[in-house]
C-alpha atoms as a PDB file:
ATOM      1  CA  UNK A   1      17.638 -10.441  16.910  1.00  0.00           C
ATOM      2  CA  UNK A   2      18.593 -13.852  14.780  1.00  0.00           C
ATOM      3  CA  UNK A   3      14.734 -15.029  14.942  1.00  0.00           C
ATOM      4  CA  UNK A   4      13.412 -11.532  13.849  1.00  0.00           C
ATOM      5  CA  UNK A   5      15.247 -12.519  10.499  1.00  0.00           C
ATOM      6  CA  UNK A   6      13.406 -15.190   8.138  1.00  0.00           C
ATOM      7  CA  UNK A   7      15.456 -18.061   7.564  1.00  0.00           C
ATOM      8  CA  UNK A   8      14.772 -18.185   4.083  1.00  0.00           C
ATOM      9  CA  UNK A   9      13.917 -15.913   1.717  1.00  0.00           C
ATOM     10  CA  UNK A  10      11.101 -16.995  -0.244  1.00  0.00           C
ATOM     11  CA  UNK A  11       7.767 -18.668   1.169  1.00  0.00           C
ATOM     12  CA  UNK A  12       6.103 -21.699   0.380  1.00  0.00           C
ATOM     13  CA  UNK A  13       3.248 -20.613  -1.609  1.00  0.00           C
ATOM     14  CA  UNK A  14      -0.327 -22.837  -3.380  1.00  0.00           C
ATOM     15  CA  UNK A  15      -1.432 -22.655  -6.836  1.00  0.00           C
ATOM     16  CA  UNK A  16      -3.971 -19.423  -6.589  1.00  0.00           C
ATOM     17  CA  UNK A  17      -1.076 -17.791  -4.972  1.00  0.00           C
ATOM     18  CA  UNK A  18       0.768 -18.446  -7.629  1.00  0.00           C
ATOM     19  CA  UNK A  19      -1.574 -16.967 -10.243  1.00  0.00           C
ATOM     20  CA  UNK A  20      -2.127 -13.751  -8.232  1.00  0.00           C
ATOM     21  CA  UNK A  21       1.593 -13.150  -7.761  1.00  0.00           C
ATOM     22  CA  UNK A  22       1.807 -13.724 -11.947  1.00  0.00           C
ATOM     23  CA  UNK A  23      -0.968 -11.345 -12.678  1.00  0.00           C
ATOM     24  CA  UNK A  24       0.616  -8.890 -10.042  1.00  0.00           C
ATOM     25  CA  UNK A  25       4.141  -8.950 -12.003  1.00  0.00           C
ATOM     26  CA  UNK A  26       2.440  -8.604 -15.406  1.00  0.00           C
ATOM     27  CA  UNK A  27      -0.031  -5.964 -14.607  1.00  0.00           C
ATOM     28  CA  UNK A  28       1.558  -4.047 -11.445  1.00  0.00           C
ATOM     29  CA  UNK A  29      -1.761  -4.244  -9.312  1.00  0.00           C
ATOM     30  CA  UNK A  30      -3.818  -7.000  -7.360  1.00  0.00           C
ATOM     31  CA  UNK A  31      -7.322  -6.285  -6.119  1.00  0.00           C
ATOM     32  CA  UNK A  32      -7.745  -8.713  -2.624  1.00  0.00           C
ATOM     33  CA  UNK A  33     -11.337 -10.131  -1.848  1.00  0.00           C
ATOM     34  CA  UNK A  34     -12.161  -9.732   1.530  1.00  0.00           C
ATOM     35  CA  UNK A  35      -9.069  -8.234   2.618  1.00  0.00           C
ATOM     36  CA  UNK A  36     -10.942  -7.075   5.777  1.00  0.00           C
ATOM     37  CA  UNK A  37     -14.167  -8.044   7.878  1.00  0.00           C
ATOM     38  CA  UNK A  38     -17.479  -5.493   7.960  1.00  0.00           C
ATOM     39  CA  UNK A  39     -16.852  -5.414  11.508  1.00  0.00           C
ATOM     40  CA  UNK A  40     -12.972  -4.161  10.566  1.00  0.00           C
ATOM     41  CA  UNK A  41     -14.347  -1.965   7.669  1.00  0.00           C
ATOM     42  CA  UNK A  42     -16.813  -0.143  10.099  1.00  0.00           C
ATOM     43  CA  UNK A  43     -13.804   0.522  13.203  1.00  0.00           C
ATOM     44  CA  UNK A  44     -11.238   2.003  10.335  1.00  0.00           C
ATOM     45  CA  UNK A  45     -14.356   4.481   9.519  1.00  0.00           C
ATOM     46  CA  UNK A  46     -15.092   5.235  13.207  1.00  0.00           C
ATOM     47  CA  UNK A  47     -10.743   5.302  14.123  1.00  0.00           C
ATOM     48  CA  UNK A  48     -10.368   7.602  10.734  1.00  0.00           C
ATOM     49  CA  UNK A  49     -13.132   9.831  11.332  1.00  0.00           C
ATOM     50  CA  UNK A  50     -12.391  10.712  15.131  1.00  0.00           C
ATOM     51  CA  UNK A  51      -8.928  10.770  13.646  1.00  0.00           C
ATOM     52  CA  UNK A  52      -9.489  14.075  10.797  1.00  0.00           C
ATOM     53  CA  UNK A  53     -11.729  15.486  13.068  1.00  0.00           C
ATOM     54  CA  UNK A  54      -8.938  15.787  15.504  1.00  0.00           C
ATOM     55  CA  UNK A  55      -6.270  16.833  13.254  1.00  0.00           C
ATOM     56  CA  UNK A  56      -8.663  18.427  10.429  1.00  0.00           C
ATOM     57  CA  UNK A  57      -6.022  17.462   7.812  1.00  0.00           C
ATOM     58  CA  UNK A  58      -6.632  15.647   4.751  1.00  0.00           C
ATOM     59  CA  UNK A  59      -3.618  13.625   4.874  1.00  0.00           C
ATOM     60  CA  UNK A  60      -2.809  11.909   7.692  1.00  0.00           C
ATOM     61  CA  UNK A  61       1.042  10.816   8.023  1.00  0.00           C
ATOM     62  CA  UNK A  62       2.080   7.495  11.143  1.00  0.00           C
ATOM     63  CA  UNK A  63      -1.317   6.611  10.672  1.00  0.00           C
ATOM     64  CA  UNK A  64      -0.293   3.955  13.441  1.00  0.00           C
ATOM     65  CA  UNK A  65       0.236   6.413  16.172  1.00  0.00           C
ATOM     66  CA  UNK A  66      -2.934   7.809  16.246  1.00  0.00           C
ATOM     67  CA  UNK A  67      -5.301   4.981  16.777  1.00  0.00           C
ATOM     68  CA  UNK A  68      -4.958   1.398  18.303  1.00  0.00           C
ATOM     69  CA  UNK A  69      -7.571   0.302  15.995  1.00  0.00           C
ATOM     70  CA  UNK A  70      -5.116   1.071  13.066  1.00  0.00           C
ATOM     71  CA  UNK A  71      -2.940  -1.582  14.148  1.00  0.00           C
ATOM     72  CA  UNK A  72      -4.037  -4.376  12.732  1.00  0.00           C
ATOM     73  CA  UNK A  73      -3.361  -3.225   9.708  1.00  0.00           C
ATOM     74  CA  UNK A  74       0.730  -3.847  10.153  1.00  0.00           C
ATOM     75  CA  UNK A  75       0.479  -7.591   9.296  1.00  0.00           C
ATOM     76  CA  UNK A  76      -3.105  -8.291   8.413  1.00  0.00           C
ATOM     77  CA  UNK A  77      -2.744 -11.870   6.786  1.00  0.00           C
ATOM     78  CA  UNK A  78      -4.599 -11.600   3.395  1.00  0.00           C
ATOM     79  CA  UNK A  79      -2.812  -8.929   2.582  1.00  0.00           C
ATOM     80  CA  UNK A  80       0.534  -9.629   4.012  1.00  0.00           C
ATOM     81  CA  UNK A  81       0.709 -13.260   2.949  1.00  0.00           C
ATOM     82  CA  UNK A  82       0.452 -11.905  -0.581  1.00  0.00           C
ATOM     83  CA  UNK A  83       3.522  -8.907  -0.124  1.00  0.00           C
ATOM     84  CA  UNK A  84       5.039 -11.765   1.341  1.00  0.00           C
ATOM     85  CA  UNK A  85       4.701 -13.848  -1.847  1.00  0.00           C
ATOM     86  CA  UNK A  86       5.921 -11.029  -4.165  1.00  0.00           C
ATOM     87  CA  UNK A  87       8.367  -9.333  -2.173  1.00  0.00           C
ATOM     88  CA  UNK A  88       9.850 -12.161  -0.175  1.00  0.00           C
ATOM     89  CA  UNK A  89      10.265 -12.612   3.552  1.00  0.00           C
ATOM     90  CA  UNK A  90      12.142  -9.883   4.669  1.00  0.00           C
ATOM     91  CA  UNK A  91       9.630  -7.469   4.249  1.00  0.00           C
ATOM     92  CA  UNK A  92       9.336  -4.132   5.856  1.00  0.00           C
ATOM     93  CA  UNK A  93       6.649  -1.064   5.758  1.00  0.00           C
ATOM     94  CA  UNK A  94       7.375   1.592   4.086  1.00  0.00           C
ATOM     95  CA  UNK A  95       4.556   4.228   5.644  1.00  0.00           C
ATOM     96  CA  UNK A  96       1.098   3.611   6.884  1.00  0.00           C
ATOM     97  CA  UNK A  97      -0.791   6.521   6.164  1.00  0.00           C
ATOM     98  CA  UNK A  98      -4.780   7.816   5.842  1.00  0.00           C
ATOM     99  CA  UNK A  99      -6.833  10.282   3.318  1.00  0.00           C
ATOM    100  CA  UNK A 100     -10.122  11.603   2.953  1.00  0.00           C
ATOM    101  CA  UNK A 101     -10.507  13.067  -0.072  1.00  0.00           C
ATOM    102  CA  UNK A 102     -14.072  15.260   0.157  1.00  0.00           C
ATOM    103  CA  UNK A 103     -16.526  16.454  -2.638  1.00  0.00           C
ATOM    104  CA  UNK A 104     -14.550  18.903  -5.373  1.00  0.00           C
ATOM    105  CA  UNK A 105     -11.867  17.714  -4.931  1.00  0.00           C
ATOM    106  CA  UNK A 106      -9.964  18.060  -8.622  1.00  0.00           C
ATOM    107  CA  UNK A 107      -8.093  15.142 -10.642  1.00  0.00           C
ATOM    108  CA  UNK A 108      -4.888  14.534  -9.541  1.00  0.00           C
ATOM    109  CA  UNK A 109      -1.625  14.158 -11.991  1.00  0.00           C
ATOM    110  CA  UNK A 110      -0.381  10.921 -12.894  1.00  0.00           C
ATOM    111  CA  UNK A 111       2.563   9.583 -10.882  1.00  0.00           C
ATOM    112  CA  UNK A 112       4.288   6.864  -9.449  1.00  0.00           C
ATOM    113  CA  UNK A 113       5.287   6.667  -5.757  1.00  0.00           C
ATOM    114  CA  UNK A 114       9.203   6.427  -6.059  1.00  0.00           C
ATOM    115  CA  UNK A 115      11.459   8.171  -7.236  1.00  0.00           C
ATOM    116  CA  UNK A 116      14.034   5.381  -9.053  1.00  0.00           C
ATOM    117  CA  UNK A 117      13.793   5.427 -13.048  1.00  0.00           C
ATOM    118  CA  UNK A 118      13.206   1.698 -14.758  1.00  0.00           C
ATOM    119  CA  UNK A 119      16.258   0.798 -16.896  1.00  0.00           C
ATOM    120  CA  UNK A 120      16.903  -1.342 -20.055  1.00  0.00           C
ATOM    121  CA  UNK A 121      19.378  -2.746 -18.498  1.00  0.00           C
ATOM    122  CA  UNK A 122      18.090  -3.482 -15.774  1.00  0.00           C
ATOM    123  CA  UNK A 123      19.761  -3.586 -11.732  1.00  0.00           C
ATOM    124  CA  UNK A 124      22.699  -5.149 -10.248  1.00  0.00           C
ATOM    125  CA  UNK A 125      21.711  -9.073 -10.097  1.00  0.00           C
ATOM    126  CA  UNK A 126      17.986  -8.380 -11.401  1.00  0.00           C
ATOM    127  CA  UNK A 127      16.946  -6.334  -8.225  1.00  0.00           C
ATOM    128  CA  UNK A 128      13.771  -4.126  -8.388  1.00  0.00           C
ATOM    129  CA  UNK A 129      13.450  -1.362  -6.614  1.00  0.00           C
ATOM    130  CA  UNK A 130      10.454  -3.158  -4.896  1.00  0.00           C
ATOM    131  CA  UNK A 131       7.763  -1.077  -3.278  1.00  0.00           C
ATOM    132  CA  UNK A 132       4.111  -2.044  -3.262  1.00  0.00           C
ATOM    133  CA  UNK A 133       1.378   0.263  -1.758  1.00  0.00           C
ATOM    134  CA  UNK A 134      -2.273  -1.283  -0.572  1.00  0.00           C
ATOM    135  CA  UNK A 135      -4.975   0.972  -0.333  1.00  0.00           C
ATOM    136  CA  UNK A 136      -7.896  -0.298   1.816  1.00  0.00           C
ATOM    137  CA  UNK A 137     -10.944   1.727   0.456  1.00  0.00           C
ATOM    138  CA  UNK A 138     -13.464   2.734   3.433  1.00  0.00           C
ATOM    139  CA  UNK A 139     -16.304   4.156   0.653  1.00  0.00           C
ATOM    140  CA  UNK A 140     -17.676   2.653  -2.342  1.00  0.00           C
ATOM    141  CA  UNK A 141     -15.297   4.421  -5.147  1.00  0.00           C
ATOM    142  CA  UNK A 142     -17.714   5.055  -8.066  1.00  0.00           C
ATOM    143  CA  UNK A 143     -17.040   7.449 -11.106  1.00  0.00           C
ATOM    144  CA  UNK A 144     -18.833   9.946  -9.238  1.00  0.00           C
ATOM    145  CA  UNK A 145     -16.561  10.238  -5.849  1.00  0.00           C
ATOM    146  CA  UNK A 146     -13.577   9.462  -7.960  1.00  0.00           C
ATOM    147  CA  UNK A 147     -11.742   5.573  -8.348  1.00  0.00           C
ATOM    148  CA  UNK A 148      -8.185   5.171  -8.386  1.00  0.00           C
ATOM    149  CA  UNK A 149      -7.352   4.999 -12.170  1.00  0.00           C
ATOM    150  CA  UNK A 150      -3.908   3.062 -13.268  1.00  0.00           C
ATOM    151  CA  UNK A 151      -2.330   2.275 -16.195  1.00  0.00           C
ATOM    152  CA  UNK A 152      -2.060  -1.833 -16.038  1.00  0.00           C
ATOM    153  CA  UNK A 153       1.688  -2.990 -16.964  1.00  0.00           C
ATOM    154  CA  UNK A 154       3.100   0.638 -16.842  1.00  0.00           C
ATOM    155  CA  UNK A 155       5.438  -0.140 -14.067  1.00  0.00           C
ATOM    156  CA  UNK A 156       7.626  -1.722 -16.604  1.00  0.00           C
ATOM    157  CA  UNK A 157       7.437   1.250 -18.408  1.00  0.00           C
ATOM    158  CA  UNK A 158      10.969   2.835 -18.945  1.00  0.00           C
ATOM    159  CA  UNK A 159       9.944   6.253 -18.870  1.00  0.00           C
ATOM    160  CA  UNK A 160       7.901   8.262 -15.935  1.00  0.00           C
ATOM    161  CA  UNK A 161       4.398   9.248 -16.637  1.00  0.00           C
ATOM    162  CA  UNK A 162       3.592  12.326 -18.307  1.00  0.00           C
ATOM    163  CA  UNK A 163       2.495  15.939 -16.923  1.00  0.00           C
ATOM    164  CA  UNK A 164      -1.125  15.904 -15.733  1.00  0.00           C
ATOM    165  CA  UNK A 165      -3.474  13.807 -16.053  1.00  0.00           C
ATOM    166  CA  UNK A 166      -4.374  12.969 -19.976  1.00  0.00           C
ATOM    167  CA  UNK A 167      -6.073   9.632 -20.469  1.00  0.00           C
ATOM    168  CA  UNK A 168      -4.674   6.811 -21.389  1.00  0.00           C
ATOM    169  CA  UNK A 169      -6.615   4.376 -24.053  1.00  0.00           C
ATOM    170  CA  UNK A 170      -5.539   1.606 -21.735  1.00  0.00           C
ATOM    171  CA  UNK A 171      -6.207   2.801 -18.169  1.00  0.00           C
ATOM    172  CA  UNK A 172      -8.095   1.316 -16.112  1.00  0.00           C
ATOM    173  CA  UNK A 173     -11.054   3.124 -13.294  1.00  0.00           C
ATOM    174  CA  UNK A 174     -10.306   0.448 -10.283  1.00  0.00           C
ATOM    175  CA  UNK A 175     -13.980   0.430  -8.590  1.00  0.00           C
ATOM    176  CA  UNK A 176     -12.981  -0.880  -4.753  1.00  0.00           C
ATOM    177  CA  UNK A 177     -15.568  -1.544  -2.424  1.00  0.00           C
ATOM    178  CA  UNK A 178     -15.314  -1.490   1.179  1.00  0.00           C
ATOM    179  CA  UNK A 179     -13.861  -4.979   2.529  1.00  0.00           C
ATOM    180  CA  UNK A 180     -11.314  -5.169  -0.395  1.00  0.00           C
ATOM    181  CA  UNK A 181      -8.067  -3.988  -0.984  1.00  0.00           C
ATOM    182  CA  UNK A 182      -6.433  -3.119  -4.085  1.00  0.00           C
ATOM    183  CA  UNK A 183      -2.479  -3.882  -4.133  1.00  0.00           C
ATOM    184  CA  UNK A 184      -0.416  -1.739  -6.813  1.00  0.00           C
ATOM    185  CA  UNK A 185       3.467  -1.393  -7.595  1.00  0.00           C
ATOM    186  CA  UNK A 186       4.776   1.825  -6.368  1.00  0.00           C
ATOM    187  CA  UNK A 187       5.840   2.691 -10.293  1.00  0.00           C
ATOM    188  CA  UNK A 188       2.685   1.704 -11.916  1.00  0.00           C
ATOM    189  CA  UNK A 189       1.307   4.739 -13.300  1.00  0.00           C
ATOM    190  CA  UNK A 190      -1.682   5.606 -11.030  1.00  0.00           C
ATOM    191  CA  UNK A 191      -3.683   8.745  -9.820  1.00  0.00           C
ATOM    192  CA  UNK A 192      -7.229   9.569  -8.255  1.00  0.00           C
ATOM    193  CA  UNK A 193      -9.702  10.993 -10.014  1.00  0.00           C
ATOM    194  CA  UNK A 194     -11.617  14.127  -9.475  1.00  0.00           C
ATOM    195  CA  UNK A 195     -14.409  14.004  -6.991  1.00  0.00           C
ATOM    196  CA  UNK A 196     -17.903  15.183  -7.637  1.00  0.00           C
ATOM    197  CA  UNK A 197     -20.093  13.479  -5.136  1.00  0.00           C
ATOM    198  CA  UNK A 198     -19.151  12.230  -1.197  1.00  0.00           C
ATOM    199  CA  UNK A 199     -16.359  11.413   0.080  1.00  0.00           C
ATOM    200  CA  UNK A 200     -13.961   8.875  -0.381  1.00  0.00           C
ATOM    201  CA  UNK A 201     -11.302   7.639   2.549  1.00  0.00           C
ATOM    202  CA  UNK A 202      -8.535   4.736   2.450  1.00  0.00           C
ATOM    203  CA  UNK A 203      -5.968   3.707   4.423  1.00  0.00           C
ATOM    204  CA  UNK A 204      -2.826   3.351   2.501  1.00  0.00           C
ATOM    205  CA  UNK A 205      -0.165   0.632   4.142  1.00  0.00           C
ATOM    206  CA  UNK A 206       2.895   0.906   2.013  1.00  0.00           C
ATOM    207  CA  UNK A 207       5.960  -2.224   2.169  1.00  0.00           C
ATOM    208  CA  UNK A 208       9.182  -3.124   0.678  1.00  0.00           C
ATOM    209  CA  UNK A 209      12.235  -4.895   1.359  1.00  0.00           C
ATOM    210  CA  UNK A 210      13.576  -5.235   4.819  1.00  0.00           C
ATOM    211  CA  UNK A 211      16.642  -3.560   3.752  1.00  0.00           C
ATOM    212  CA  UNK A 212      15.082  -0.516   2.453  1.00  0.00           C
ATOM    213  CA  UNK A 213      15.120   3.032   3.637  1.00  0.00           C
ATOM    214  CA  UNK A 214      11.631   3.626   4.913  1.00  0.00           C
ATOM    215  CA  UNK A 215       9.813   6.694   4.695  1.00  0.00           C
ATOM    216  CA  UNK A 216       8.913   6.409   8.086  1.00  0.00           C
ATOM    217  CA  UNK A 217      11.115   6.391  11.083  1.00  0.00           C
ATOM    218  CA  UNK A 218       8.372   4.460  13.509  1.00  0.00           C
ATOM    219  CA  UNK A 219       9.420   5.678  16.810  1.00  0.00           C
ATOM    220  CA  UNK A 220       6.162   6.752  18.003  1.00  0.00           C
ATOM    221  CA  UNK A 221       5.032   5.030  21.425  1.00  0.00           C
ATOM    222  CA  UNK A 222       2.849   2.139  19.327  1.00  0.00           C
ATOM    223  CA  UNK A 223       5.295   1.463  17.160  1.00  0.00           C
ATOM    224  CA  UNK A 224       7.880   1.354  19.242  1.00  0.00           C
ATOM    225  CA  UNK A 225       6.007  -1.054  21.781  1.00  0.00           C
ATOM    226  CA  UNK A 226       5.329  -3.391  18.476  1.00  0.00           C
ATOM    227  CA  UNK A 227       8.972  -3.061  17.447  1.00  0.00           C
ATOM    228  CA  UNK A 228      10.086  -4.560  21.124  1.00  0.00           C
ATOM    229  CA  UNK A 229       7.635  -6.641  22.606  1.00  0.00           C
ATOM    230  CA  UNK A 230       5.140  -7.764  19.464  1.00  0.00           C
ATOM    231  CA  UNK A 231       5.318 -10.816  16.973  1.00  0.00           C
ATOM    232  CA  UNK A 232       8.905 -11.502  15.289  1.00  0.00           C
ATOM    233  CA  UNK A 233       6.890 -10.693  12.097  1.00  0.00           C
ATOM    234  CA  UNK A 234       5.636  -7.337  13.468  1.00  0.00           C
ATOM    235  CA  UNK A 235       9.568  -6.709  14.763  1.00  0.00           C
ATOM    236  CA  UNK A 236      10.596  -6.981  11.206  1.00  0.00           C
ATOM    237  CA  UNK A 237       7.818  -4.743   9.401  1.00  0.00           C
ATOM    238  CA  UNK A 238       8.827  -2.204  11.782  1.00  0.00           C
ATOM    239  CA  UNK A 239      12.710  -1.912  11.580  1.00  0.00           C
ATOM    240  CA  UNK A 240      13.537  -4.181  14.204  1.00  0.00           C
ATOM    241  CA  UNK A 241      16.931  -4.946  11.838  1.00  0.00           C
ATOM    242  CA  UNK A 242      18.908  -1.830  12.168  1.00  0.00           C
ATOM    243  CA  UNK A 243      21.125  -2.432  10.125  1.00  0.00           C
ATOM    244  CA  UNK A 244      21.966  -5.947   7.723  1.00  0.00           C
END
């Protein structure tokens, strides 16, 4: 078990990654280019379509249990190296989900992913309730099919988002493309925009500090197998350290 725990809290990062980390800390989001290959996009599309056809649900929890073709997302290097650069080496998966949003879906309300408020006095030892979501969008996002809307910098706001979905003068609509990934702080104001065209598909991998409680238990057979027989990194991501 000791080998699962990283020897250092912070990874070594190069100057390019330092700039990306600084951008994320300031604005609360980051678009990762070439996060997955064209073949991986097709692989995820096929797996997701089959999953939704089988389950007939708009939102799928415990995505890793649905199909082995999703498993590589757990420790997908282009995203995970940025996650650890921001959160540190002791990182764990919070949840793995997917969503298909069809034509006619209405505007989502502004929200944050976590229940904790921000505090002007900070938190003990400067800790933040760190949680970062990552969306792998499998269809081109456009004004017609509903991009993800965020308010850059709002992850540091000391108050929650307003009710409903009023427009912010500085809100940003992220027109993600297949192959890209969009990382965003769980506390940034965000929402899905109404879909007036074709469906949009996304796989969502959410990460957090390893000593926080995960939303999922990762007790399904695929997750258990990786937690017991995978790499040290995979074991840590799936909660092999049961207590600290």
